[in-house]
Amino acid sequence: MTPAVNPEPGTRRGWIWMTVAGFAAHILSLVFGLQTAGPLCGSPLLPQSRAAEMFDSQRHGTGVAAECYRNIDSASVPVWILMALGIGLVLTGITVRIVSIRRPGDGTPDLTVVPQD
């Protein structure tokens, strides 16, 4: 009698790909989050726009700093969505792995069942 073998080896390694995709999405969100939102502006993850504020104070009411902060706010939405997606994929991949380890029927004997004589 041969032990049951999982016919789909891709399902055994699917959690790895999901976790890798999550880490890739998270790194991609960091790369996009550190790009500036415009000239004299900060980035979504580092929103300090001191150059725009100084320009605005010297030119009395040009509104450059306010426009910078609006650009940063609109650019931060996709960054945070991508970051949340990455974290969600990593957690889902780890959860799938934990569930697949604890699930009987993968060819390993179920130690909770006591054989009766």
PDB file of N, CA and C in Angstrom:
ATOM      1  N   MET A   1       0.843  -1.173   0.000  1.00  0.00           N
ATOM      2  CA  MET A   1       0.000   0.000   0.000  1.00  0.00           C
ATOM      3  C   MET A   1       0.894   1.243   0.000  1.00  0.00           C
ATOM      4  N   THR A   2       0.657   2.145  -0.909  1.00  0.00           N
ATOM      5  CA  THR A   2       1.475   3.346  -1.005  1.00  0.00           C
ATOM      6  C   THR A   2       0.754   4.511  -0.337  1.00  0.00           C
ATOM      7  N   PRO A   3       1.515   5.432   0.253  1.00  0.00           N
ATOM      8  CA  PRO A   3       0.867   6.591   0.881  1.00  0.00           C
ATOM      9  C   PRO A   3       0.285   7.514  -0.175  1.00  0.00           C
ATOM     10  N   ALA A   4      -0.728   8.267   0.231  1.00  0.00           N
ATOM     11  CA  ALA A   4      -1.371   9.216  -0.686  1.00  0.00           C
ATOM     12  C   ALA A   4      -0.404  10.347  -1.000  1.00  0.00           C
ATOM     13  N   VAL A   5      -0.285  10.642  -2.275  1.00  0.00           N
ATOM     14  CA  VAL A   5       0.608  11.704  -2.725  1.00  0.00           C
ATOM     15  C   VAL A   5      -0.243  12.812  -3.306  1.00  0.00           C
ATOM     16  N   ASN A   6       0.093  14.028  -2.982  1.00  0.00           N
ATOM     17  CA  ASN A   6      -0.633  15.179  -3.511  1.00  0.00           C
ATOM     18  C   ASN A   6      -0.345  15.297  -5.006  1.00  0.00           C
ATOM     19  N   PRO A   7      -1.357  15.179  -5.862  1.00  0.00           N
ATOM     20  CA  PRO A   7      -1.112  15.216  -7.304  1.00  0.00           C
ATOM     21  C   PRO A   7      -0.750  16.598  -7.832  1.00  0.00           C
ATOM     22  N   GLU A   8      -0.981  17.631  -7.075  1.00  0.00           N
ATOM     23  CA  GLU A   8      -0.706  18.988  -7.537  1.00  0.00           C
ATOM     24  C   GLU A   8       0.420  19.597  -6.715  1.00  0.00           C
ATOM     25  N   PRO A   9       1.661  19.503  -7.182  1.00  0.00           N
ATOM     26  CA  PRO A   9       2.763  20.075  -6.392  1.00  0.00           C
ATOM     27  C   PRO A   9       2.717  21.593  -6.343  1.00  0.00           C
ATOM     28  N   GLY A  10       2.025  22.223  -7.298  1.00  0.00           N
ATOM     29  CA  GLY A  10       1.913  23.681  -7.277  1.00  0.00           C
ATOM     30  C   GLY A  10       1.124  24.189  -6.087  1.00  0.00           C
ATOM     31  N   THR A  11       0.183  23.395  -5.602  1.00  0.00           N
ATOM     32  CA  THR A  11      -0.605  23.838  -4.458  1.00  0.00           C
ATOM     33  C   THR A  11       0.215  23.790  -3.170  1.00  0.00           C
ATOM     34  N   ARG A  12       1.227  22.939  -3.156  1.00  0.00           N
ATOM     35  CA  ARG A  12       2.068  22.883  -1.958  1.00  0.00           C
ATOM     36  C   ARG A  12       2.982  24.097  -1.860  1.00  0.00           C
ATOM     37  N   ARG A  13       3.311  24.691  -2.978  1.00  0.00           N
ATOM     38  CA  ARG A  13       4.227  25.824  -2.956  1.00  0.00           C
ATOM     39  C   ARG A  13       3.521  27.146  -3.261  1.00  0.00           C
ATOM     40  N   GLY A  14       2.213  27.121  -3.340  1.00  0.00           N
ATOM     41  CA  GLY A  14       1.462  28.342  -3.618  1.00  0.00           C
ATOM     42  C   GLY A  14       1.612  29.385  -2.539  1.00  0.00           C
ATOM     43  N   TRP A  15       1.756  28.952  -1.300  1.00  0.00           N
ATOM     44  CA  TRP A  15       1.913  29.897  -0.193  1.00  0.00           C
ATOM     45  C   TRP A  15       3.222  30.658  -0.322  1.00  0.00           C
ATOM     46  N   ILE A  16       4.247  30.002  -0.876  1.00  0.00           N
ATOM     47  CA  ILE A  16       5.537  30.686  -1.049  1.00  0.00           C
ATOM     48  C   ILE A  16       5.391  31.813  -2.060  1.00  0.00           C
ATOM     49  N   TRP A  17       4.720  31.524  -3.177  1.00  0.00           N
ATOM     50  CA  TRP A  17       4.534  32.552  -4.199  1.00  0.00           C
ATOM     51  C   TRP A  17       3.674  33.699  -3.690  1.00  0.00           C
ATOM     52  N   MET A  18       2.684  33.369  -2.884  1.00  0.00           N
ATOM     53  CA  MET A  18       1.827  34.411  -2.325  1.00  0.00           C
ATOM     54  C   MET A  18       2.625  35.310  -1.374  1.00  0.00           C
ATOM     55  N   THR A  19       3.477  34.704  -0.566  1.00  0.00           N
ATOM     56  CA  THR A  19       4.300  35.476   0.368  1.00  0.00           C
ATOM     57  C   THR A  19       5.321  36.328  -0.384  1.00  0.00           C
ATOM     58  N   VAL A  20       5.928  35.762  -1.421  1.00  0.00           N
ATOM     59  CA  VAL A  20       6.889  36.527  -2.222  1.00  0.00           C
ATOM     60  C   VAL A  20       6.197  37.694  -2.923  1.00  0.00           C
ATOM     61  N   ALA A  21       5.001  37.456  -3.448  1.00  0.00           N
ATOM     62  CA  ALA A  21       4.254  38.540  -4.099  1.00  0.00           C
ATOM     63  C   ALA A  21       3.902  39.634  -3.094  1.00  0.00           C
ATOM     64  N   GLY A  22       3.598  39.248  -1.864  1.00  0.00           N
ATOM     65  CA  GLY A  22       3.308  40.231  -0.824  1.00  0.00           C
ATOM     66  C   GLY A  22       4.517  41.084  -0.494  1.00  0.00           C
ATOM     67  N   PHE A  23       5.677  40.432  -0.361  1.00  0.00           N
ATOM     68  CA  PHE A  23       6.897  41.198  -0.092  1.00  0.00           C
ATOM     69  C   PHE A  23       7.249  42.102  -1.269  1.00  0.00           C
ATOM     70  N   ALA A  24       7.042  41.617  -2.486  1.00  0.00           N
ATOM     71  CA  ALA A  24       7.317  42.444  -3.667  1.00  0.00           C
ATOM     72  C   ALA A  24       6.398  43.660  -3.718  1.00  0.00           C
ATOM     73  N   ALA A  25       5.133  43.461  -3.407  1.00  0.00           N
ATOM     74  CA  ALA A  25       4.191  44.588  -3.394  1.00  0.00           C
ATOM     75  C   ALA A  25       4.562  45.590  -2.308  1.00  0.00           C
ATOM     76  N   HIS A  26       5.008  45.089  -1.168  1.00  0.00           N
ATOM     77  CA  HIS A  26       5.402  45.991  -0.085  1.00  0.00           C
ATOM     78  C   HIS A  26       6.652  46.795  -0.466  1.00  0.00           C
ATOM     79  N   ILE A  27       7.629  46.148  -1.073  1.00  0.00           N
ATOM     80  CA  ILE A  27       8.836  46.862  -1.507  1.00  0.00           C
ATOM     81  C   ILE A  27       8.487  47.869  -2.600  1.00  0.00           C
ATOM     82  N   LEU A  28       7.599  47.484  -3.511  1.00  0.00           N
ATOM     83  CA  LEU A  28       7.173  48.396  -4.560  1.00  0.00           C
ATOM     84  C   LEU A  28       6.462  49.622  -3.979  1.00  0.00           C
ATOM     85  N   SER A  29       5.674  49.414  -2.921  1.00  0.00           N
ATOM     86  CA  SER A  29       5.002  50.553  -2.293  1.00  0.00           C
ATOM     87  C   SER A  29       6.016  51.480  -1.635  1.00  0.00           C
ATOM     88  N   LEU A  30       7.089  50.929  -1.089  1.00  0.00           N
ATOM     89  CA  LEU A  30       8.137  51.789  -0.517  1.00  0.00           C
ATOM     90  C   LEU A  30       8.845  52.591  -1.603  1.00  0.00           C
ATOM     91  N   VAL A  31       9.106  51.962  -2.751  1.00  0.00           N
ATOM     92  CA  VAL A  31       9.768  52.675  -3.851  1.00  0.00           C
ATOM     93  C   VAL A  31       8.880  53.806  -4.362  1.00  0.00           C
ATOM     94  N   PHE A  32       7.591  53.513  -4.588  1.00  0.00           N
ATOM     95  CA  PHE A  32       6.675  54.559  -5.047  1.00  0.00           C
ATOM     96  C   PHE A  32       6.436  55.614  -3.971  1.00  0.00           C
ATOM     97  N   GLY A  33       6.450  55.204  -2.723  1.00  0.00           N
ATOM     98  CA  GLY A  33       6.182  56.133  -1.627  1.00  0.00           C
ATOM     99  C   GLY A  33       7.308  57.103  -1.357  1.00  0.00           C
ATOM    100  N   LEU A  34       8.507  56.785  -1.813  1.00  0.00           N
ATOM    101  CA  LEU A  34       9.639  57.685  -1.595  1.00  0.00           C
ATOM    102  C   LEU A  34       9.911  58.609  -2.781  1.00  0.00           C
ATOM    103  N   GLN A  35       9.124  58.503  -3.854  1.00  0.00           N
ATOM    104  CA  GLN A  35       9.282  59.416  -4.980  1.00  0.00           C
ATOM    105  C   GLN A  35       8.555  60.725  -4.682  1.00  0.00           C
ATOM    106  N   THR A  36       9.160  61.829  -5.089  1.00  0.00           N
ATOM    107  CA  THR A  36       8.574  63.131  -4.792  1.00  0.00           C
ATOM    108  C   THR A  36       7.282  63.332  -5.573  1.00  0.00           C
ATOM    109  N   ALA A  37       6.392  64.111  -4.988  1.00  0.00           N
ATOM    110  CA  ALA A  37       5.087  64.368  -5.601  1.00  0.00           C
ATOM    111  C   ALA A  37       5.136  65.546  -6.566  1.00  0.00           C
ATOM    112  N   GLY A  38       6.244  66.212  -6.664  1.00  0.00           N
ATOM    113  CA  GLY A  38       6.379  67.344  -7.575  1.00  0.00           C
ATOM    114  C   GLY A  38       7.629  68.131  -7.235  1.00  0.00           C
ATOM    115  N   PRO A  39       7.921  69.169  -8.029  1.00  0.00           N
ATOM    116  CA  PRO A  39       9.085  69.989  -7.710  1.00  0.00           C
ATOM    117  C   PRO A  39       8.862  70.741  -6.394  1.00  0.00           C
ATOM    118  N   LEU A  40       9.846  70.758  -5.566  1.00  0.00           N
ATOM    119  CA  LEU A  40       9.835  71.390  -4.240  1.00  0.00           C
ATOM    120  C   LEU A  40       8.950  70.647  -3.232  1.00  0.00           C
ATOM    121  N   CYS A  41       8.399  69.512  -3.623  1.00  0.00           N
ATOM    122  CA  CYS A  41       7.477  68.774  -2.748  1.00  0.00           C
ATOM    123  C   CYS A  41       8.163  67.566  -2.136  1.00  0.00           C
ATOM    124  N   GLY A  42       7.572  67.071  -1.077  1.00  0.00           N
ATOM    125  CA  GLY A  42       8.034  65.847  -0.457  1.00  0.00           C
ATOM    126  C   GLY A  42       7.398  64.643  -1.131  1.00  0.00           C
ATOM    127  N   SER A  43       7.506  63.505  -0.474  1.00  0.00           N
ATOM    128  CA  SER A  43       6.936  62.266  -1.002  1.00  0.00           C
ATOM    129  C   SER A  43       5.829  61.791  -0.065  1.00  0.00           C
ATOM    130  N   PRO A  44       5.031  60.816  -0.477  1.00  0.00           N
ATOM    131  CA  PRO A  44       3.961  60.336   0.405  1.00  0.00           C
ATOM    132  C   PRO A  44       4.460  59.756   1.731  1.00  0.00           C
ATOM    133  N   LEU A  45       5.639  59.145   1.742  1.00  0.00           N
ATOM    134  CA  LEU A  45       6.153  58.594   2.997  1.00  0.00           C
ATOM    135  C   LEU A  45       7.015  59.586   3.766  1.00  0.00           C
ATOM    136  N   LEU A  46       7.512  60.601   3.104  1.00  0.00           N
ATOM    137  CA  LEU A  46       8.262  61.690   3.746  1.00  0.00           C
ATOM    138  C   LEU A  46       7.660  63.019   3.289  1.00  0.00           C
ATOM    139  N   PRO A  47       6.550  63.445   3.900  1.00  0.00           N
ATOM    140  CA  PRO A  47       5.777  64.565   3.350  1.00  0.00           C
ATOM    141  C   PRO A  47       6.306  65.966   3.676  1.00  0.00           C
ATOM    142  N   GLN A  48       7.503  66.100   4.162  1.00  0.00           N
ATOM    143  CA  GLN A  48       8.000  67.445   4.468  1.00  0.00           C
ATOM    144  C   GLN A  48       8.297  68.197   3.177  1.00  0.00           C
ATOM    145  N   SER A  49       7.692  69.357   3.031  1.00  0.00           N
ATOM    146  CA  SER A  49       7.896  70.213   1.857  1.00  0.00           C
ATOM    147  C   SER A  49       8.403  71.573   2.309  1.00  0.00           C
ATOM    148  N   ARG A  50       9.535  71.575   2.944  1.00  0.00           N
ATOM    149  CA  ARG A  50      10.092  72.830   3.480  1.00  0.00           C
ATOM    150  C   ARG A  50      10.454  73.814   2.370  1.00  0.00           C
ATOM    151  N   ALA A  51      10.955  73.304   1.251  1.00  0.00           N
ATOM    152  CA  ALA A  51      11.317  74.211   0.150  1.00  0.00           C
ATOM    153  C   ALA A  51      10.081  74.927  -0.387  1.00  0.00           C
ATOM    154  N   ALA A  52       8.976  74.220  -0.507  1.00  0.00           N
ATOM    155  CA  ALA A  52       7.738  74.838  -0.988  1.00  0.00           C
ATOM    156  C   ALA A  52       7.207  75.836   0.035  1.00  0.00           C
ATOM    157  N   GLU A  53       7.321  75.520   1.310  1.00  0.00           N
ATOM    158  CA  GLU A  53       6.869  76.445   2.356  1.00  0.00           C
ATOM    159  C   GLU A  53       7.714  77.715   2.373  1.00  0.00           C
ATOM    160  N   MET A  54       9.027  77.575   2.180  1.00  0.00           N
ATOM    161  CA  MET A  54       9.892  78.763   2.148  1.00  0.00           C
ATOM    162  C   MET A  54       9.601  79.607   0.905  1.00  0.00           C
ATOM    163  N   PHE A  55       9.387  78.965  -0.238  1.00  0.00           N
ATOM    164  CA  PHE A  55       9.044  79.687  -1.457  1.00  0.00           C
ATOM    165  C   PHE A  55       7.720  80.425  -1.279  1.00  0.00           C
ATOM    166  N   ASP A  56       6.770  79.750  -0.626  1.00  0.00           N
ATOM    167  CA  ASP A  56       5.463  80.347  -0.386  1.00  0.00           C
ATOM    168  C   ASP A  56       5.567  81.549   0.547  1.00  0.00           C
ATOM    169  N   SER A  57       6.438  81.473   1.548  1.00  0.00           N
ATOM    170  CA  SER A  57       6.580  82.600   2.481  1.00  0.00           C
ATOM    171  C   SER A  57       7.301  83.782   1.833  1.00  0.00           C
ATOM    172  N   GLN A  58       8.189  83.513   0.896  1.00  0.00           N
ATOM    173  CA  GLN A  58       8.898  84.606   0.218  1.00  0.00           C
ATOM    174  C   GLN A  58       8.032  85.275  -0.841  1.00  0.00           C
ATOM    175  N   ARG A  59       7.168  84.526  -1.486  1.00  0.00           N
ATOM    176  CA  ARG A  59       6.332  85.072  -2.558  1.00  0.00           C
ATOM    177  C   ARG A  59       4.940  85.448  -2.079  1.00  0.00           C
ATOM    178  N   HIS A  60       4.666  85.414  -0.797  1.00  0.00           N
ATOM    179  CA  HIS A  60       3.423  85.863  -0.170  1.00  0.00           C
ATOM    180  C   HIS A  60       2.155  85.378  -0.873  1.00  0.00           C
ATOM    181  N   GLY A  61       1.753  84.182  -0.516  1.00  0.00           N
ATOM    182  CA  GLY A  61       0.450  83.686  -0.953  1.00  0.00           C
ATOM    183  C   GLY A  61       0.398  83.061  -2.325  1.00  0.00           C
ATOM    184  N   THR A  62       1.468  82.490  -2.797  1.00  0.00           N
ATOM    185  CA  THR A  62       1.410  81.838  -4.105  1.00  0.00           C
ATOM    186  C   THR A  62       0.698  80.489  -4.026  1.00  0.00           C
ATOM    187  N   GLY A  63       0.624  79.888  -2.865  1.00  0.00           N
ATOM    188  CA  GLY A  63      -0.088  78.620  -2.688  1.00  0.00           C
ATOM    189  C   GLY A  63       0.689  77.395  -3.122  1.00  0.00           C
ATOM    190  N   VAL A  64       2.004  77.522  -3.249  1.00  0.00           N
ATOM    191  CA  VAL A  64       2.818  76.395  -3.690  1.00  0.00           C
ATOM    192  C   VAL A  64       2.812  75.284  -2.639  1.00  0.00           C
ATOM    193  N   ALA A  65       2.902  75.633  -1.374  1.00  0.00           N
ATOM    194  CA  ALA A  65       2.929  74.633  -0.303  1.00  0.00           C
ATOM    195  C   ALA A  65       1.598  73.892  -0.223  1.00  0.00           C
ATOM    196  N   ALA A  66       0.501  74.608  -0.358  1.00  0.00           N
ATOM    197  CA  ALA A  66      -0.812  73.951  -0.321  1.00  0.00           C
ATOM    198  C   ALA A  66      -0.983  72.994  -1.497  1.00  0.00           C
ATOM    199  N   GLU A  67      -0.505  73.395  -2.652  1.00  0.00           N
ATOM    200  CA  GLU A  67      -0.585  72.501  -3.814  1.00  0.00           C
ATOM    201  C   GLU A  67       0.304  71.273  -3.631  1.00  0.00           C
ATOM    202  N   CYS A  68       1.451  71.477  -3.018  1.00  0.00           N
ATOM    203  CA  CYS A  68       2.337  70.339  -2.742  1.00  0.00           C
ATOM    204  C   CYS A  68       1.658  69.335  -1.817  1.00  0.00           C
ATOM    205  N   TYR A  69       1.044  69.826  -0.765  1.00  0.00           N
ATOM    206  CA  TYR A  69       0.398  68.914   0.174  1.00  0.00           C
ATOM    207  C   TYR A  69      -0.821  68.225  -0.448  1.00  0.00           C
ATOM    208  N   ARG A  70      -1.513  68.898  -1.354  1.00  0.00           N
ATOM    209  CA  ARG A  70      -2.606  68.233  -2.083  1.00  0.00           C
ATOM    210  C   ARG A  70      -2.068  67.139  -2.990  1.00  0.00           C
ATOM    211  N   ASN A  71      -0.947  67.409  -3.664  1.00  0.00           N
ATOM    212  CA  ASN A  71      -0.322  66.400  -4.520  1.00  0.00           C
ATOM    213  C   ASN A  71       0.160  65.204  -3.705  1.00  0.00           C
ATOM    214  N   ILE A  72       0.724  65.479  -2.540  1.00  0.00           N
ATOM    215  CA  ILE A  72       1.195  64.402  -1.675  1.00  0.00           C
ATOM    216  C   ILE A  72       0.021  63.554  -1.195  1.00  0.00           C
ATOM    217  N   ASP A  73      -1.077  64.221  -0.823  1.00  0.00           N
ATOM    218  CA  ASP A  73      -2.254  63.476  -0.365  1.00  0.00           C
ATOM    219  C   ASP A  73      -2.811  62.577  -1.465  1.00  0.00           C
ATOM    220  N   SER A  74      -2.887  63.082  -2.679  1.00  0.00           N
ATOM    221  CA  SER A  74      -3.434  62.263  -3.760  1.00  0.00           C
ATOM    222  C   SER A  74      -2.468  61.150  -4.179  1.00  0.00           C
ATOM    223  N   ALA A  75      -1.172  61.382  -4.040  1.00  0.00           N
ATOM    224  CA  ALA A  75      -0.196  60.347  -4.393  1.00  0.00           C
ATOM    225  C   ALA A  75      -0.071  59.285  -3.310  1.00  0.00           C
ATOM    226  N   SER A  76      -0.501  59.581  -2.091  1.00  0.00           N
ATOM    227  CA  SER A  76      -0.341  58.616  -1.006  1.00  0.00           C
ATOM    228  C   SER A  76      -1.406  57.523  -1.018  1.00  0.00           C
ATOM    229  N   VAL A  77      -2.536  57.739  -1.674  1.00  0.00           N
ATOM    230  CA  VAL A  77      -3.608  56.735  -1.691  1.00  0.00           C
ATOM    231  C   VAL A  77      -3.149  55.432  -2.347  1.00  0.00           C
ATOM    232  N   PRO A  78      -2.582  55.456  -3.568  1.00  0.00           N
ATOM    233  CA  PRO A  78      -2.129  54.186  -4.146  1.00  0.00           C
ATOM    234  C   PRO A  78      -0.981  53.546  -3.369  1.00  0.00           C
ATOM    235  N   VAL A  79      -0.147  54.364  -2.748  1.00  0.00           N
ATOM    236  CA  VAL A  79       0.975  53.822  -1.965  1.00  0.00           C
ATOM    237  C   VAL A  79       0.447  53.031  -0.774  1.00  0.00           C
ATOM    238  N   TRP A  80      -0.500  53.582  -0.056  1.00  0.00           N
ATOM    239  CA  TRP A  80      -1.031  52.889   1.113  1.00  0.00           C
ATOM    240  C   TRP A  80      -1.859  51.674   0.715  1.00  0.00           C
ATOM    241  N   ILE A  81      -2.560  51.740  -0.416  1.00  0.00           N
ATOM    242  CA  ILE A  81      -3.306  50.572  -0.887  1.00  0.00           C
ATOM    243  C   ILE A  81      -2.342  49.442  -1.253  1.00  0.00           C
ATOM    244  N   LEU A  82      -1.259  49.768  -1.949  1.00  0.00           N
ATOM    245  CA  LEU A  82      -0.270  48.765  -2.326  1.00  0.00           C
ATOM    246  C   LEU A  82       0.420  48.188  -1.098  1.00  0.00           C
ATOM    247  N   MET A  83       0.674  49.034  -0.104  1.00  0.00           N
ATOM    248  CA  MET A  83       1.300  48.554   1.127  1.00  0.00           C
ATOM    249  C   MET A  83       0.361  47.610   1.879  1.00  0.00           C
ATOM    250  N   ALA A  84      -0.905  47.956   1.970  1.00  0.00           N
ATOM    251  CA  ALA A  84      -1.875  47.083   2.641  1.00  0.00           C
ATOM    252  C   ALA A  84      -2.055  45.775   1.874  1.00  0.00           C
ATOM    253  N   LEU A  85      -2.055  45.836   0.556  1.00  0.00           N
ATOM    254  CA  LEU A  85      -2.155  44.627  -0.256  1.00  0.00           C
ATOM    255  C   LEU A  85      -0.962  43.706  -0.013  1.00  0.00           C
ATOM    256  N   GLY A  86       0.228  44.277   0.055  1.00  0.00           N
ATOM    257  CA  GLY A  86       1.425  43.477   0.316  1.00  0.00           C
ATOM    258  C   GLY A  86       1.384  42.797   1.668  1.00  0.00           C
ATOM    259  N   ILE A  87       0.998  43.534   2.684  1.00  0.00           N
ATOM    260  CA  ILE A  87       0.905  42.945   4.022  1.00  0.00           C
ATOM    261  C   ILE A  87      -0.179  41.880   4.059  1.00  0.00           C
ATOM    262  N   GLY A  88      -1.295  42.132   3.389  1.00  0.00           N
ATOM    263  CA  GLY A  88      -2.372  41.146   3.338  1.00  0.00           C
ATOM    264  C   GLY A  88      -1.955  39.861   2.639  1.00  0.00           C
ATOM    265  N   LEU A  89      -1.202  39.981   1.544  1.00  0.00           N
ATOM    266  CA  LEU A  89      -0.731  38.788   0.845  1.00  0.00           C
ATOM    267  C   LEU A  89       0.247  37.984   1.685  1.00  0.00           C
ATOM    268  N   VAL A  90       1.133  38.657   2.383  1.00  0.00           N
ATOM    269  CA  VAL A  90       2.080  37.941   3.254  1.00  0.00           C
ATOM    270  C   VAL A  90       1.334  37.206   4.360  1.00  0.00           C
ATOM    271  N   LEU A  91       0.403  37.870   5.003  1.00  0.00           N
ATOM    272  CA  LEU A  91      -0.354  37.219   6.078  1.00  0.00           C
ATOM    273  C   LEU A  91      -1.211  36.073   5.553  1.00  0.00           C
ATOM    274  N   THR A  92      -1.782  36.231   4.359  1.00  0.00           N
ATOM    275  CA  THR A  92      -2.567  35.150   3.769  1.00  0.00           C
ATOM    276  C   THR A  92      -1.686  33.955   3.430  1.00  0.00           C
ATOM    277  N   GLY A  93      -0.515  34.196   2.877  1.00  0.00           N
ATOM    278  CA  GLY A  93       0.403  33.109   2.558  1.00  0.00           C
ATOM    279  C   GLY A  93       0.841  32.342   3.792  1.00  0.00           C
ATOM    280  N   ILE A  94       1.123  33.054   4.862  1.00  0.00           N
ATOM    281  CA  ILE A  94       1.524  32.394   6.105  1.00  0.00           C
ATOM    282  C   ILE A  94       0.353  31.615   6.691  1.00  0.00           C
ATOM    283  N   THR A  95      -0.843  32.172   6.614  1.00  0.00           N
ATOM    284  CA  THR A  95      -2.029  31.473   7.113  1.00  0.00           C
ATOM    285  C   THR A  95      -2.295  30.198   6.323  1.00  0.00           C
ATOM    286  N   VAL A  96      -2.150  30.262   5.000  1.00  0.00           N
ATOM    287  CA  VAL A  96      -2.338  29.078   4.167  1.00  0.00           C
ATOM    288  C   VAL A  96      -1.334  28.001   4.543  1.00  0.00           C
ATOM    289  N   ARG A  97      -0.109  28.386   4.794  1.00  0.00           N
ATOM    290  CA  ARG A  97       0.909  27.410   5.189  1.00  0.00           C
ATOM    291  C   ARG A  97       0.577  26.767   6.528  1.00  0.00           C
ATOM    292  N   ILE A  98       0.153  27.540   7.491  1.00  0.00           N
ATOM    293  CA  ILE A  98      -0.189  26.997   8.808  1.00  0.00           C
ATOM    294  C   ILE A  98      -1.374  26.053   8.703  1.00  0.00           C
ATOM    295  N   VAL A  99      -2.373  26.431   7.936  1.00  0.00           N
ATOM    296  CA  VAL A  99      -3.549  25.568   7.773  1.00  0.00           C
ATOM    297  C   VAL A  99      -3.173  24.277   7.058  1.00  0.00           C
ATOM    298  N   SER A 100      -2.299  24.364   6.050  1.00  0.00           N
ATOM    299  CA  SER A 100      -1.923  23.155   5.314  1.00  0.00           C
ATOM    300  C   SER A 100      -1.062  22.226   6.166  1.00  0.00           C
ATOM    301  N   ILE A 101      -0.319  22.752   7.110  1.00  0.00           N
ATOM    302  CA  ILE A 101       0.466  21.909   8.004  1.00  0.00           C
ATOM    303  C   ILE A 101      -0.452  21.158   8.957  1.00  0.00           C
ATOM    304  N   ARG A 102      -1.449  21.804   9.473  1.00  0.00           N
ATOM    305  CA  ARG A 102      -2.330  21.198  10.468  1.00  0.00           C
ATOM    306  C   ARG A 102      -3.430  20.336   9.875  1.00  0.00           C
ATOM    307  N   ARG A 103      -3.601  20.360   8.571  1.00  0.00           N
ATOM    308  CA  ARG A 103      -4.678  19.617   7.928  1.00  0.00           C
ATOM    309  C   ARG A 103      -4.247  18.165   7.711  1.00  0.00           C
ATOM    310  N   PRO A 104      -5.032  17.206   8.191  1.00  0.00           N
ATOM    311  CA  PRO A 104      -4.696  15.813   7.899  1.00  0.00           C
ATOM    312  C   PRO A 104      -5.086  15.456   6.471  1.00  0.00           C
ATOM    313  N   GLY A 105      -4.510  14.398   5.955  1.00  0.00           N
ATOM    314  CA  GLY A 105      -4.841  13.967   4.608  1.00  0.00           C
ATOM    315  C   GLY A 105      -3.775  14.296   3.594  1.00  0.00           C
ATOM    316  N   ASP A 106      -2.633  14.755   4.037  1.00  0.00           N
ATOM    317  CA  ASP A 106      -1.561  15.062   3.105  1.00  0.00           C
ATOM    318  C   ASP A 106      -0.512  13.948   3.054  1.00  0.00           C
ATOM    319  N   GLY A 107      -0.895  12.766   3.487  1.00  0.00           N
ATOM    320  CA  GLY A 107       0.029  11.641   3.444  1.00  0.00           C
ATOM    321  C   GLY A 107       0.675  11.344   4.777  1.00  0.00           C
ATOM    322  N   THR A 108       0.525  12.225   5.740  1.00  0.00           N
ATOM    323  CA  THR A 108       1.090  11.978   7.060  1.00  0.00           C
ATOM    324  C   THR A 108       0.035  11.322   7.926  1.00  0.00           C
ATOM    325  N   PRO A 109       0.443  10.456   8.816  1.00  0.00           N
ATOM    326  CA  PRO A 109      -0.548   9.794   9.663  1.00  0.00           C
ATOM    327  C   PRO A 109      -1.187  10.763  10.639  1.00  0.00           C
ATOM    328  N   ASP A 110      -2.449  10.569  10.902  1.00  0.00           N
ATOM    329  CA  ASP A 110      -3.188  11.397  11.844  1.00  0.00           C
ATOM    330  C   ASP A 110      -2.938  10.849  13.250  1.00  0.00           C
ATOM    331  N   LEU A 111      -2.236  11.600  14.061  1.00  0.00           N
ATOM    332  CA  LEU A 111      -1.842  11.130  15.373  1.00  0.00           C
ATOM    333  C   LEU A 111      -2.951  11.283  16.410  1.00  0.00           C
ATOM    334  N   THR A 112      -4.046  11.935  16.040  1.00  0.00           N
ATOM    335  CA  THR A 112      -5.128  12.111  17.006  1.00  0.00           C
ATOM    336  C   THR A 112      -6.036  10.902  17.082  1.00  0.00           C
ATOM    337  N   VAL A 113      -5.991  10.034  16.075  1.00  0.00           N
ATOM    338  CA  VAL A 113      -6.842   8.842  16.056  1.00  0.00           C
ATOM    339  C   VAL A 113      -6.113   7.693  16.733  1.00  0.00           C
ATOM    340  N   VAL A 114      -6.754   7.093  17.695  1.00  0.00           N
ATOM    341  CA  VAL A 114      -6.162   5.971  18.417  1.00  0.00           C
ATOM    342  C   VAL A 114      -6.676   4.680  17.786  1.00  0.00           C
ATOM    343  N   PRO A 115      -5.757   3.802  17.298  1.00  0.00           N
ATOM    344  CA  PRO A 115      -6.226   2.541  16.693  1.00  0.00           C
ATOM    345  C   PRO A 115      -6.833   1.619  17.735  1.00  0.00           C
ATOM    346  N   GLN A 116      -7.893   0.968  17.356  1.00  0.00           N
ATOM    347  CA  GLN A 116      -8.582   0.038  18.253  1.00  0.00           C
ATOM    348  C   GLN A 116      -8.235  -1.379  17.870  1.00  0.00           C
ATOM    349  N   ASP A 117      -8.034  -2.237  18.854  1.00  0.00           N
ATOM    350  CA  ASP A 117      -7.706  -3.631  18.589  1.00  0.00           C
ATOM    351  C   ASP A 117      -8.921  -4.492  18.549  1.00  0.00           C
TER     352      ASP A 117
END
